[in-house]
Amino acid sequence: MRAPAHSLAQRDDAFLLTFVDDTEEAPWMVATDRHQAAIHAFFIPLKYYASNVHPDWCVSTELLITFARPQGGTGQVAPDTFVARAPNRERASFDIRRERVRPAFVLEVVSPESKTRDEQEKVRLYAWLEVEEYAIFDPTIVGRARLEGHHRDADGNWVAWPVGPRGDLQSAVLGLTLVPEGALLRLEDADGQRLRTAYEEARDRELAEAARQEAEARAAAEALARQEEARARQEAEARLAVAEAALARLREGQS
């Protein structure tokens, strides 16, 4: 693990000295329904995907990341979602010094209170923490959600992350594509298949169960109809046999 360069420019050193920690009392930590919906639509499918495809990943939401400040002391930041190549276990916080690995991917979902912090201050912080990819999703403008970010280029430089034709970002860390969809941020795999949210999974299960019950009811109705048809045929055959017997007796009487 490479340590962040401490031979910082004076302005960067001053920035880290004054960077305010994420705490529960901070105004930018208050989340609206739109903010929470965007986080959940991204985090839950990613967590499920990682548990199946990358069980060696640590995938977490709003967990404190703690780090050593170059001037001394400890700083902390709580991304909306982050992924680290670290053991997948329960944590109270993610201490970079103890884990000996840094988050590789970070997502921040912008709220009105966090806009400047997410789009400016955290760009510099995550660069210093040597994050590989930092995605910023702004769902605050209805119908015009915006996705942007920074990542490491081939030379390891921290540069703007090129946005695709759908306003999407191709994540080398995740092996997935981040795609804005209204006020939500969705994920697609290498085959272009959408990773499902918990709501979509539940809805699909409900639809499948309804279809199963409908198929069973239809099969039962068809079976009942066949039984009724067979009974009617048997009754008709019985009546015909009675009639034929009566006709035979009549003929015998006339002979």
C-alpha atoms as a PDB file:
ATOM      1  CA  MET A   1       0.000   0.000   0.000  1.00  0.00           C
ATOM      2  CA  ARG A   2       1.388   3.353  -1.023  1.00  0.00           C
ATOM      3  CA  ALA A   3       1.019   6.096   1.526  1.00  0.00           C
ATOM      4  CA  PRO A   4      -0.339   9.457   0.308  1.00  0.00           C
ATOM      5  CA  ALA A   5       2.399  11.902  -0.507  1.00  0.00           C
ATOM      6  CA  HIS A   6       3.024  14.160   2.451  1.00  0.00           C
ATOM      7  CA  SER A   7       5.145  16.553   0.423  1.00  0.00           C
ATOM      8  CA  LEU A   8       1.964  18.477  -0.316  1.00  0.00           C
ATOM      9  CA  ALA A   9       1.707  21.876  -1.838  1.00  0.00           C
ATOM     10  CA  GLN A  10       1.083  24.497   0.814  1.00  0.00           C
ATOM     11  CA  ARG A  11      -2.523  25.006  -0.314  1.00  0.00           C
ATOM     12  CA  ASP A  12      -3.218  21.255  -0.057  1.00  0.00           C
ATOM     13  CA  ASP A  13      -1.620  21.095   3.353  1.00  0.00           C
ATOM     14  CA  ALA A  14      -3.832  23.958   4.476  1.00  0.00           C
ATOM     15  CA  PHE A  15      -6.875  22.247   2.980  1.00  0.00           C
ATOM     16  CA  LEU A  16      -6.264  19.032   4.927  1.00  0.00           C
ATOM     17  CA  LEU A  17      -5.664  21.051   8.072  1.00  0.00           C
ATOM     18  CA  THR A  18      -9.068  22.726   7.748  1.00  0.00           C
ATOM     19  CA  PHE A  19     -11.056  19.830   6.285  1.00  0.00           C
ATOM     20  CA  VAL A  20     -14.100  19.323   8.521  1.00  0.00           C
ATOM     21  CA  ASP A  21     -14.946  15.752   9.501  1.00  0.00           C
ATOM     22  CA  ASP A  22     -18.242  14.089   8.644  1.00  0.00           C
ATOM     23  CA  THR A  23     -20.206  13.911  11.891  1.00  0.00           C
ATOM     24  CA  GLU A  24     -23.849  13.279  12.748  1.00  0.00           C
ATOM     25  CA  GLU A  25     -24.252  16.967  13.600  1.00  0.00           C
ATOM     26  CA  ALA A  26     -22.934  18.215  10.247  1.00  0.00           C
ATOM     27  CA  PRO A  27     -25.727  19.835   8.147  1.00  0.00           C
ATOM     28  CA  TRP A  28     -24.641  17.979   4.993  1.00  0.00           C
ATOM     29  CA  MET A  29     -25.279  14.636   6.727  1.00  0.00           C
ATOM     30  CA  VAL A  30     -29.054  15.242   6.678  1.00  0.00           C
ATOM     31  CA  ALA A  31     -30.557  13.130   3.869  1.00  0.00           C
ATOM     32  CA  THR A  32     -33.800  13.804   1.999  1.00  0.00           C
ATOM     33  CA  ASP A  33     -36.069  11.039   0.690  1.00  0.00           C
ATOM     34  CA  ARG A  34     -34.675  11.612  -2.809  1.00  0.00           C
ATOM     35  CA  HIS A  35     -31.116  11.345  -1.489  1.00  0.00           C
ATOM     36  CA  GLN A  36     -31.851   8.140   0.425  1.00  0.00           C
ATOM     37  CA  ALA A  37     -33.686   6.561  -2.522  1.00  0.00           C
ATOM     38  CA  ALA A  38     -30.700   7.196  -4.783  1.00  0.00           C
ATOM     39  CA  ILE A  39     -28.309   5.649  -2.266  1.00  0.00           C
ATOM     40  CA  HIS A  40     -30.444   2.552  -1.701  1.00  0.00           C
ATOM     41  CA  ALA A  41     -31.077   1.963  -5.417  1.00  0.00           C
ATOM     42  CA  PHE A  42     -27.307   1.893  -5.914  1.00  0.00           C
ATOM     43  CA  PHE A  43     -26.012   0.296  -2.726  1.00  0.00           C
ATOM     44  CA  ILE A  44     -28.384  -2.653  -2.302  1.00  0.00           C
ATOM     45  CA  PRO A  45     -27.872  -4.145  -5.794  1.00  0.00           C
ATOM     46  CA  LEU A  46     -24.116  -3.532  -5.485  1.00  0.00           C
ATOM     47  CA  LYS A  47     -23.989  -5.246  -2.097  1.00  0.00           C
ATOM     48  CA  TYR A  48     -25.897  -8.256  -3.452  1.00  0.00           C
ATOM     49  CA  TYR A  49     -23.721  -8.379  -6.574  1.00  0.00           C
ATOM     50  CA  ALA A  50     -20.520  -8.234  -4.533  1.00  0.00           C
ATOM     51  CA  SER A  51     -21.688 -10.996  -2.188  1.00  0.00           C
ATOM     52  CA  ASN A  52     -22.031 -13.303  -5.205  1.00  0.00           C
ATOM     53  CA  VAL A  53     -19.227 -12.138  -7.500  1.00  0.00           C
ATOM     54  CA  HIS A  54     -16.685 -10.450  -5.192  1.00  0.00           C
ATOM     55  CA  PRO A  55     -17.075 -11.847  -1.672  1.00  0.00           C
ATOM     56  CA  ASP A  56     -13.617 -10.440  -0.890  1.00  0.00           C
ATOM     57  CA  TRP A  57     -14.899  -6.862  -1.204  1.00  0.00           C
ATOM     58  CA  CYS A  58     -15.907  -4.578   1.642  1.00  0.00           C
ATOM     59  CA  VAL A  59     -19.014  -2.736   0.402  1.00  0.00           C
ATOM     60  CA  SER A  60     -20.532  -0.279   2.832  1.00  0.00           C
ATOM     61  CA  THR A  61     -22.729   2.792   3.094  1.00  0.00           C
ATOM     62  CA  GLU A  62     -22.212   5.801   5.367  1.00  0.00           C
ATOM     63  CA  LEU A  63     -19.564   3.945   7.370  1.00  0.00           C
ATOM     64  CA  LEU A  64     -16.896   6.187   8.853  1.00  0.00           C
ATOM     65  CA  ILE A  65     -13.522   6.000   7.117  1.00  0.00           C
ATOM     66  CA  THR A  66     -10.778   7.199   9.450  1.00  0.00           C
ATOM     67  CA  PHE A  67      -7.336   8.326   8.330  1.00  0.00           C
ATOM     68  CA  ALA A  68      -4.220   9.932   9.757  1.00  0.00           C
ATOM     69  CA  ARG A  69      -3.870  13.626   9.045  1.00  0.00           C
ATOM     70  CA  PRO A  70      -0.359  14.643   7.969  1.00  0.00           C
ATOM     71  CA  GLN A  71      -0.333  17.329  10.666  1.00  0.00           C
ATOM     72  CA  GLY A  72      -1.269  14.776  13.326  1.00  0.00           C
ATOM     73  CA  GLY A  73      -4.540  13.480  14.633  1.00  0.00           C
ATOM     74  CA  THR A  74      -7.285  11.541  12.889  1.00  0.00           C
ATOM     75  CA  GLY A  75      -9.739  12.651  10.244  1.00  0.00           C
ATOM     76  CA  GLN A  76     -12.958  10.947   9.249  1.00  0.00           C
ATOM     77  CA  VAL A  77     -15.296  10.901   6.282  1.00  0.00           C
ATOM     78  CA  ALA A  78     -18.487   8.885   5.676  1.00  0.00           C
ATOM     79  CA  PRO A  79     -19.156   8.275   1.965  1.00  0.00           C
ATOM     80  CA  ASP A  80     -22.643   7.356   0.808  1.00  0.00           C
ATOM     81  CA  THR A  81     -21.113   4.172  -0.625  1.00  0.00           C
ATOM     82  CA  PHE A  82     -17.581   2.863  -0.859  1.00  0.00           C
ATOM     83  CA  VAL A  83     -15.847  -0.322  -1.979  1.00  0.00           C
ATOM     84  CA  ALA A  84     -12.499  -1.497  -0.651  1.00  0.00           C
ATOM     85  CA  ARG A  85     -10.524  -4.599  -1.480  1.00  0.00           C
ATOM     86  CA  ALA A  86     -10.666  -5.698   2.124  1.00  0.00           C
ATOM     87  CA  PRO A  87     -12.192  -8.638   4.008  1.00  0.00           C
ATOM     88  CA  ASN A  88     -15.982  -8.677   3.936  1.00  0.00           C
ATOM     89  CA  ARG A  89     -16.870  -8.470   7.620  1.00  0.00           C
ATOM     90  CA  GLU A  90     -18.895  -6.328   9.966  1.00  0.00           C
ATOM     91  CA  ARG A  91     -17.182  -3.096  11.034  1.00  0.00           C
ATOM     92  CA  ALA A  92     -17.955  -0.132  13.271  1.00  0.00           C
ATOM     93  CA  SER A  93     -15.627   1.968  11.098  1.00  0.00           C
ATOM     94  CA  PHE A  94     -13.022   1.534   8.375  1.00  0.00           C
ATOM     95  CA  ASP A  95      -9.629   2.571   9.736  1.00  0.00           C
ATOM     96  CA  ILE A  96      -7.202   2.898   6.823  1.00  0.00           C
ATOM     97  CA  ARG A  97      -4.216   2.493   9.136  1.00  0.00           C
ATOM     98  CA  ARG A  98      -5.479  -0.777  10.569  1.00  0.00           C
ATOM     99  CA  GLU A  99      -6.945  -2.137   7.317  1.00  0.00           C
ATOM    100  CA  ARG A 100      -3.752  -1.258   5.422  1.00  0.00           C
ATOM    101  CA  VAL A 101      -5.823  -0.651   2.298  1.00  0.00           C
ATOM    102  CA  ARG A 102      -7.726   2.345   0.983  1.00  0.00           C
ATOM    103  CA  PRO A 103     -11.185   2.523  -0.568  1.00  0.00           C
ATOM    104  CA  ALA A 104     -10.909   1.895  -4.298  1.00  0.00           C
ATOM    105  CA  PHE A 105     -14.342   3.268  -5.261  1.00  0.00           C
ATOM    106  CA  VAL A 106     -16.407   5.999  -3.621  1.00  0.00           C
ATOM    107  CA  LEU A 107     -19.875   7.370  -4.412  1.00  0.00           C
ATOM    108  CA  GLU A 108     -21.356  10.542  -2.996  1.00  0.00           C
ATOM    109  CA  VAL A 109     -24.994  11.467  -3.674  1.00  0.00           C
ATOM    110  CA  VAL A 110     -25.367  15.227  -3.655  1.00  0.00           C
ATOM    111  CA  SER A 111     -27.872  17.029  -1.459  1.00  0.00           C
ATOM    112  CA  PRO A 112     -28.365  20.812  -1.383  1.00  0.00           C
ATOM    113  CA  GLU A 113     -26.356  20.981   1.851  1.00  0.00           C
ATOM    114  CA  SER A 114     -23.503  18.793   0.580  1.00  0.00           C
ATOM    115  CA  LYS A 115     -23.086  20.156  -2.964  1.00  0.00           C
ATOM    116  CA  THR A 116     -19.914  22.198  -2.415  1.00  0.00           C
ATOM    117  CA  ARG A 117     -18.432  19.580  -0.124  1.00  0.00           C
ATOM    118  CA  ASP A 118     -19.077  16.680  -2.508  1.00  0.00           C
ATOM    119  CA  GLU A 119     -18.119  18.458  -5.737  1.00  0.00           C
ATOM    120  CA  GLN A 120     -15.067  20.347  -4.497  1.00  0.00           C
ATOM    121  CA  GLU A 121     -13.722  19.472  -1.055  1.00  0.00           C
ATOM    122  CA  LYS A 122     -14.129  15.708  -1.308  1.00  0.00           C
ATOM    123  CA  VAL A 123     -12.597  15.656  -4.778  1.00  0.00           C
ATOM    124  CA  ARG A 124      -9.390  16.885  -3.148  1.00  0.00           C
ATOM    125  CA  LEU A 125      -9.727  14.649  -0.090  1.00  0.00           C
ATOM    126  CA  TYR A 126     -10.274  11.449  -2.081  1.00  0.00           C
ATOM    127  CA  ALA A 127      -7.393  12.369  -4.346  1.00  0.00           C
ATOM    128  CA  TRP A 128      -5.159  12.607  -1.296  1.00  0.00           C
ATOM    129  CA  LEU A 129      -6.527   9.322   0.073  1.00  0.00           C
ATOM    130  CA  GLU A 130      -5.564   7.723  -3.267  1.00  0.00           C
ATOM    131  CA  VAL A 131      -9.063   6.569  -4.110  1.00  0.00           C
ATOM    132  CA  GLU A 132      -9.105   5.113  -7.638  1.00  0.00           C
ATOM    133  CA  GLU A 133     -12.625   6.214  -8.634  1.00  0.00           C
ATOM    134  CA  TYR A 134     -14.901   8.869  -7.172  1.00  0.00           C
ATOM    135  CA  ALA A 135     -18.422   9.134  -8.616  1.00  0.00           C
ATOM    136  CA  ILE A 136     -20.660  12.101  -7.812  1.00  0.00           C
ATOM    137  CA  PHE A 137     -24.402  11.743  -8.462  1.00  0.00           C
ATOM    138  CA  ASP A 138     -26.654  14.785  -8.206  1.00  0.00           C
ATOM    139  CA  PRO A 139     -30.377  13.876  -8.183  1.00  0.00           C
ATOM    140  CA  THR A 140     -31.515  17.237  -6.827  1.00  0.00           C
ATOM    141  CA  ILE A 141     -32.826  18.625 -10.141  1.00  0.00           C
ATOM    142  CA  VAL A 142     -35.940  16.681 -11.170  1.00  0.00           C
ATOM    143  CA  GLY A 143     -35.499  15.072 -14.576  1.00  0.00           C
ATOM    144  CA  ARG A 144     -31.934  16.329 -14.921  1.00  0.00           C
ATOM    145  CA  ALA A 145     -29.901  14.146 -12.579  1.00  0.00           C
ATOM    146  CA  ARG A 146     -26.188  14.470 -13.296  1.00  0.00           C
ATOM    147  CA  LEU A 147     -23.368  11.974 -12.910  1.00  0.00           C
ATOM    148  CA  GLU A 148     -19.710  12.951 -12.966  1.00  0.00           C
ATOM    149  CA  GLY A 149     -16.537  12.057 -11.174  1.00  0.00           C
ATOM    150  CA  HIS A 150     -12.772  11.708 -11.018  1.00  0.00           C
ATOM    151  CA  HIS A 151     -10.567   8.666 -11.467  1.00  0.00           C
ATOM    152  CA  ARG A 152      -6.952   7.641 -12.000  1.00  0.00           C
ATOM    153  CA  ASP A 153      -5.762   7.654 -15.585  1.00  0.00           C
ATOM    154  CA  ALA A 154      -3.220   5.186 -16.988  1.00  0.00           C
ATOM    155  CA  ASP A 155      -0.400   7.219 -15.395  1.00  0.00           C
ATOM    156  CA  GLY A 156      -2.110   7.363 -12.009  1.00  0.00           C
ATOM    157  CA  ASN A 157      -3.114  11.019 -12.348  1.00  0.00           C
ATOM    158  CA  TRP A 158      -6.351  12.202 -10.712  1.00  0.00           C
ATOM    159  CA  VAL A 159      -8.430  13.455 -13.663  1.00  0.00           C
ATOM    160  CA  ALA A 160     -12.034  14.029 -14.690  1.00  0.00           C
ATOM    161  CA  TRP A 161     -13.831  10.739 -15.330  1.00  0.00           C
ATOM    162  CA  PRO A 162     -15.098  10.658 -18.950  1.00  0.00           C
ATOM    163  CA  VAL A 163     -18.888  10.405 -19.173  1.00  0.00           C
ATOM    164  CA  GLY A 164     -20.466   8.088 -21.756  1.00  0.00           C
ATOM    165  CA  PRO A 165     -23.262   8.863 -24.234  1.00  0.00           C
ATOM    166  CA  ARG A 166     -25.971   8.011 -21.689  1.00  0.00           C
ATOM    167  CA  GLY A 167     -24.352  10.209 -19.055  1.00  0.00           C
ATOM    168  CA  ASP A 168     -22.885   6.983 -17.679  1.00  0.00           C
ATOM    169  CA  LEU A 169     -19.558   6.093 -16.112  1.00  0.00           C
ATOM    170  CA  GLN A 170     -17.648   2.891 -16.835  1.00  0.00           C
ATOM    171  CA  SER A 171     -16.123   1.650 -13.578  1.00  0.00           C
ATOM    172  CA  ALA A 172     -12.935  -0.373 -13.930  1.00  0.00           C
ATOM    173  CA  VAL A 173     -12.935  -1.024 -10.188  1.00  0.00           C
ATOM    174  CA  LEU A 174     -16.448  -2.467 -10.072  1.00  0.00           C
ATOM    175  CA  GLY A 175     -16.522  -3.954 -13.558  1.00  0.00           C
ATOM    176  CA  LEU A 176     -19.934  -2.288 -13.866  1.00  0.00           C
ATOM    177  CA  THR A 177     -21.492   0.722 -15.588  1.00  0.00           C
ATOM    178  CA  LEU A 178     -23.133   3.482 -13.554  1.00  0.00           C
ATOM    179  CA  VAL A 179     -26.240   4.738 -15.385  1.00  0.00           C
ATOM    180  CA  PRO A 180     -28.461   7.665 -14.307  1.00  0.00           C
ATOM    181  CA  GLU A 181     -32.160   6.809 -14.449  1.00  0.00           C
ATOM    182  CA  GLY A 182     -34.337   9.706 -13.385  1.00  0.00           C
ATOM    183  CA  ALA A 183     -33.483  10.469  -9.775  1.00  0.00           C
ATOM    184  CA  LEU A 184     -31.830   7.065  -9.334  1.00  0.00           C
ATOM    185  CA  LEU A 185     -28.384   5.729 -10.156  1.00  0.00           C
ATOM    186  CA  ARG A 186     -28.450   2.195 -11.536  1.00  0.00           C
ATOM    187  CA  LEU A 187     -25.801  -0.421 -12.281  1.00  0.00           C
ATOM    188  CA  GLU A 188     -25.339  -2.622 -15.345  1.00  0.00           C
ATOM    189  CA  ASP A 189     -23.036  -5.612 -15.723  1.00  0.00           C
ATOM    190  CA  ALA A 190     -20.719  -6.324 -18.657  1.00  0.00           C
ATOM    191  CA  ASP A 191     -23.626  -7.860 -20.602  1.00  0.00           C
ATOM    192  CA  GLY A 192     -25.745  -4.743 -20.161  1.00  0.00           C
ATOM    193  CA  GLN A 193     -28.030  -6.452 -17.654  1.00  0.00           C
ATOM    194  CA  ARG A 194     -29.458  -4.183 -14.979  1.00  0.00           C
ATOM    195  CA  LEU A 195     -28.673  -5.073 -11.375  1.00  0.00           C
ATOM    196  CA  ARG A 196     -31.988  -5.277  -9.552  1.00  0.00           C
ATOM    197  CA  THR A 197     -33.083  -3.258  -6.549  1.00  0.00           C
ATOM    198  CA  ALA A 198     -34.659  -4.947  -3.522  1.00  0.00           C
ATOM    199  CA  TYR A 199     -38.051  -3.556  -4.608  1.00  0.00           C
ATOM    200  CA  GLU A 200     -37.650  -4.996  -8.095  1.00  0.00           C
ATOM    201  CA  GLU A 201     -36.586  -8.363  -6.715  1.00  0.00           C
ATOM    202  CA  ALA A 202     -39.632  -8.419  -4.414  1.00  0.00           C
ATOM    203  CA  ARG A 203     -41.927  -7.297  -7.234  1.00  0.00           C
ATOM    204  CA  ASP A 204     -40.541  -9.992  -9.547  1.00  0.00           C
ATOM    205  CA  ARG A 205     -41.100 -12.626  -6.862  1.00  0.00           C
ATOM    206  CA  GLU A 206     -44.667 -11.418  -6.380  1.00  0.00           C
ATOM    207  CA  LEU A 207     -45.316 -11.470 -10.132  1.00  0.00           C
ATOM    208  CA  ALA A 208     -43.798 -14.938 -10.414  1.00  0.00           C
ATOM    209  CA  GLU A 209     -45.923 -16.185  -7.511  1.00  0.00           C
ATOM    210  CA  ALA A 210     -49.066 -14.635  -9.026  1.00  0.00           C
ATOM    211  CA  ALA A 211     -48.252 -16.262 -12.367  1.00  0.00           C
ATOM    212  CA  ARG A 212     -47.676 -19.605 -10.630  1.00  0.00           C
ATOM    213  CA  GLN A 213     -50.993 -19.391  -8.800  1.00  0.00           C
ATOM    214  CA  GLU A 214     -52.781 -18.375 -11.993  1.00  0.00           C
ATOM    215  CA  ALA A 215     -51.225 -21.316 -13.865  1.00  0.00           C
ATOM    216  CA  GLU A 216     -52.244 -23.699 -11.088  1.00  0.00           C
ATOM    217  CA  ALA A 217     -55.788 -22.326 -11.066  1.00  0.00           C
ATOM    218  CA  ARG A 218     -55.994 -22.633 -14.850  1.00  0.00           C
ATOM    219  CA  ALA A 219     -54.670 -26.209 -14.709  1.00  0.00           C
ATOM    220  CA  ALA A 220     -57.190 -27.076 -11.994  1.00  0.00           C
ATOM    221  CA  ALA A 221     -60.027 -25.553 -14.036  1.00  0.00           C
ATOM    222  CA  GLU A 222     -58.937 -27.483 -17.109  1.00  0.00           C
ATOM    223  CA  ALA A 223     -58.735 -30.711 -15.084  1.00  0.00           C
ATOM    224  CA  LEU A 224     -62.231 -30.089 -13.693  1.00  0.00           C
ATOM    225  CA  ALA A 225     -63.537 -29.397 -17.183  1.00  0.00           C
ATOM    226  CA  ARG A 226     -62.037 -32.679 -18.414  1.00  0.00           C
ATOM    227  CA  GLN A 227     -63.647 -34.524 -15.504  1.00  0.00           C
ATOM    228  CA  GLU A 228     -67.023 -32.953 -16.252  1.00  0.00           C
ATOM    229  CA  GLU A 229     -66.624 -33.832 -19.930  1.00  0.00           C
ATOM    230  CA  ALA A 230     -65.728 -37.431 -19.068  1.00  0.00           C
ATOM    231  CA  ARG A 231     -68.701 -37.718 -16.677  1.00  0.00           C
ATOM    232  CA  ALA A 232     -71.058 -36.271 -19.277  1.00  0.00           C
ATOM    233  CA  ARG A 233     -69.724 -38.721 -21.856  1.00  0.00           C
ATOM    234  CA  GLN A 234     -70.172 -41.632 -19.458  1.00  0.00           C
ATOM    235  CA  GLU A 235     -73.748 -40.548 -18.663  1.00  0.00           C
ATOM    236  CA  ALA A 236     -74.516 -40.213 -22.360  1.00  0.00           C
ATOM    237  CA  GLU A 237     -73.065 -43.650 -23.040  1.00  0.00           C
ATOM    238  CA  ALA A 238     -75.094 -45.084 -20.151  1.00  0.00           C
ATOM    239  CA  ARG A 239     -78.317 -43.527 -21.487  1.00  0.00           C
ATOM    240  CA  LEU A 240     -77.515 -44.825 -24.966  1.00  0.00           C
ATOM    241  CA  ALA A 241     -76.951 -48.312 -23.565  1.00  0.00           C
ATOM    242  CA  VAL A 242     -80.299 -48.192 -21.731  1.00  0.00           C
ATOM    243  CA  ALA A 243     -82.037 -47.018 -24.894  1.00  0.00           C
ATOM    244  CA  GLU A 244     -80.402 -49.721 -27.001  1.00  0.00           C
ATOM    245  CA  ALA A 245     -81.379 -52.386 -24.434  1.00  0.00           C
ATOM    246  CA  ALA A 246     -84.978 -51.171 -24.439  1.00  0.00           C
ATOM    247  CA  LEU A 247     -85.030 -51.168 -28.215  1.00  0.00           C
ATOM    248  CA  ALA A 248     -83.627 -54.713 -28.262  1.00  0.00           C
ATOM    249  CA  ARG A 249     -86.362 -55.906 -25.873  1.00  0.00           C
ATOM    250  CA  LEU A 250     -89.013 -54.214 -28.007  1.00  0.00           C
ATOM    251  CA  ARG A 251     -87.760 -55.989 -31.086  1.00  0.00           C
ATOM    252  CA  GLU A 252     -87.708 -59.300 -29.272  1.00  0.00           C
ATOM    253  CA  GLY A 253     -91.346 -58.769 -28.252  1.00  0.00           C
ATOM    254  CA  GLN A 254     -92.399 -58.083 -31.802  1.00  0.00           C
ATOM    255  CA  SER A 255     -90.738 -61.162 -33.241  1.00  0.00           C
END
